[in-house]
Amino acid sequence: MPQMAPLLWLNLYMFFSAVFILSIILIFFMKPPVKIEAPSVKTESLTQNWKW
């Protein structure tokens, strides 16, 4: 029945787009987080301390 062909393609499109979006979301959440290490900065002030 050729009348059913558009509905078949619509169902296939919805199915594959849902699978694609789900896989993108899963790949995004499954990758390990990138650890941002703060550079070790000495906290020495350039001004002299007024207390002796």
N, C-alpha and C. Protein backbone atom coordinates (compact mmCIF):
# COMPACT_ATOMS: atom_id res chain seq x y z
N MET A 1 0.84 -1.18 0.00
CA MET A 1 0.00 0.00 0.00
C MET A 1 0.89 1.24 0.00
N PRO A 2 0.91 2.00 -1.05
CA PRO A 2 1.79 3.16 -1.13
C PRO A 2 1.38 4.30 -0.21
N GLN A 3 0.14 4.29 0.27
CA GLN A 3 -0.29 5.36 1.16
C GLN A 3 0.43 5.31 2.50
N MET A 4 0.90 4.14 2.88
CA MET A 4 1.53 3.98 4.19
C MET A 4 3.02 4.33 4.16
N ALA A 5 3.59 4.54 2.99
CA ALA A 5 5.02 4.80 2.90
C ALA A 5 5.45 6.07 3.64
N PRO A 6 4.74 7.20 3.54
CA PRO A 6 5.17 8.39 4.30
C PRO A 6 5.15 8.16 5.81
N LEU A 7 4.19 7.42 6.30
CA LEU A 7 4.14 7.14 7.73
C LEU A 7 5.30 6.25 8.15
N LEU A 8 5.67 5.31 7.29
CA LEU A 8 6.81 4.45 7.59
C LEU A 8 8.08 5.28 7.68
N TRP A 9 8.29 6.18 6.72
CA TRP A 9 9.50 7.01 6.75
C TRP A 9 9.49 7.96 7.94
N LEU A 10 8.34 8.44 8.29
CA LEU A 10 8.25 9.32 9.46
C LEU A 10 8.61 8.57 10.73
N ASN A 11 8.11 7.34 10.86
CA ASN A 11 8.45 6.53 12.03
C ASN A 11 9.94 6.20 12.07
N LEU A 12 10.51 5.87 10.91
CA LEU A 12 11.94 5.58 10.87
C LEU A 12 12.76 6.81 11.21
N TYR A 13 12.33 7.97 10.71
CA TYR A 13 13.04 9.21 11.00
C TYR A 13 12.99 9.53 12.50
N MET A 14 11.84 9.39 13.10
CA MET A 14 11.70 9.66 14.54
C MET A 14 12.54 8.67 15.35
N PHE A 15 12.54 7.40 14.96
CA PHE A 15 13.29 6.39 15.69
C PHE A 15 14.79 6.67 15.61
N PHE A 16 15.30 6.89 14.42
CA PHE A 16 16.73 7.09 14.28
C PHE A 16 17.19 8.42 14.87
N SER A 17 16.37 9.45 14.79
CA SER A 17 16.75 10.72 15.42
C SER A 17 16.75 10.59 16.94
N ALA A 18 15.80 9.84 17.50
CA ALA A 18 15.78 9.63 18.94
C ALA A 18 17.00 8.82 19.39
N VAL A 19 17.37 7.80 18.62
CA VAL A 19 18.55 7.00 18.96
C VAL A 19 19.81 7.85 18.85
N PHE A 20 19.88 8.69 17.84
CA PHE A 20 21.05 9.55 17.66
C PHE A 20 21.19 10.54 18.81
N ILE A 21 20.11 11.17 19.20
CA ILE A 21 20.14 12.14 20.30
C ILE A 21 20.49 11.44 21.61
N LEU A 22 19.92 10.26 21.83
CA LEU A 22 20.22 9.50 23.04
C LEU A 22 21.69 9.10 23.09
N SER A 23 22.25 8.68 21.96
CA SER A 23 23.66 8.29 21.96
C SER A 23 24.57 9.50 22.18
N ILE A 24 24.22 10.65 21.63
CA ILE A 24 25.01 11.86 21.86
C ILE A 24 24.98 12.24 23.34
N ILE A 25 23.82 12.14 23.96
CA ILE A 25 23.70 12.46 25.38
C ILE A 25 24.51 11.48 26.22
N LEU A 26 24.44 10.20 25.90
CA LEU A 26 25.19 9.20 26.65
C LEU A 26 26.69 9.38 26.49
N ILE A 27 27.15 9.68 25.29
CA ILE A 27 28.58 9.91 25.08
C ILE A 27 29.04 11.14 25.85
N PHE A 28 28.20 12.17 25.89
CA PHE A 28 28.56 13.38 26.62
C PHE A 28 28.73 13.11 28.10
N PHE A 29 27.83 12.32 28.70
CA PHE A 29 27.89 12.09 30.13
C PHE A 29 28.83 10.95 30.51
N MET A 30 29.26 10.11 29.56
CA MET A 30 30.14 9.00 29.90
C MET A 30 31.62 9.35 29.82
N LYS A 31 31.97 10.46 29.15
CA LYS A 31 33.39 10.80 29.06
C LYS A 31 33.87 11.31 30.41
N PRO A 32 35.10 10.99 30.80
CA PRO A 32 35.58 11.42 32.11
C PRO A 32 35.74 12.93 32.16
N PRO A 33 35.42 13.52 33.29
CA PRO A 33 35.55 14.97 33.40
C PRO A 33 37.01 15.41 33.36
N VAL A 34 37.23 16.56 32.78
CA VAL A 34 38.58 17.10 32.69
C VAL A 34 38.89 17.82 34.01
N LYS A 35 39.98 17.39 34.63
CA LYS A 35 40.37 18.02 35.88
C LYS A 35 41.19 19.26 35.58
N ILE A 36 40.73 20.38 36.09
CA ILE A 36 41.45 21.62 35.91
C ILE A 36 42.27 21.87 37.16
N GLU A 37 43.57 21.75 37.01
CA GLU A 37 44.44 21.95 38.15
C GLU A 37 44.87 23.41 38.19
N ALA A 38 44.63 24.03 39.33
CA ALA A 38 45.02 25.43 39.48
C ALA A 38 46.54 25.51 39.59
N PRO A 39 47.15 26.43 38.90
CA PRO A 39 48.61 26.56 39.02
C PRO A 39 49.00 26.98 40.43
N SER A 40 50.07 26.38 40.91
CA SER A 40 50.50 26.70 42.27
C SER A 40 51.15 28.07 42.28
N VAL A 41 50.45 28.99 42.86
CA VAL A 41 50.92 30.37 42.91
C VAL A 41 51.30 30.67 44.35
N LYS A 42 52.52 31.16 44.55
CA LYS A 42 52.92 31.55 45.89
C LYS A 42 52.16 32.81 46.28
N THR A 43 51.74 32.83 47.51
CA THR A 43 50.98 34.00 47.98
C THR A 43 51.90 34.94 48.76
N GLU A 44 53.00 35.26 48.19
CA GLU A 44 53.89 36.23 48.82
C GLU A 44 53.53 37.61 48.33
N SER A 45 53.36 38.50 49.28
CA SER A 45 53.07 39.86 48.87
C SER A 45 54.38 40.61 48.64
N LEU A 46 54.33 41.54 47.75
CA LEU A 46 55.53 42.28 47.42
C LEU A 46 55.81 43.39 48.44
N THR A 47 54.79 43.77 49.16
CA THR A 47 55.00 44.80 50.19
C THR A 47 55.48 44.15 51.47
N GLN A 48 56.24 44.89 52.23
CA GLN A 48 56.76 44.35 53.48
C GLN A 48 55.69 44.40 54.56
N ASN A 49 55.79 43.43 55.45
CA ASN A 49 54.84 43.38 56.54
C ASN A 49 55.19 44.46 57.55
N TRP A 50 54.21 45.22 58.04
CA TRP A 50 54.48 46.29 58.97
C TRP A 50 54.64 45.81 60.40
N LYS A 51 54.22 44.53 60.64
CA LYS A 51 54.43 43.98 61.97
C LYS A 51 55.77 43.28 62.01
N TRP A 52 56.52 43.46 63.06
CA TRP A 52 57.83 42.82 63.16
C TRP A 52 57.74 41.62 64.00
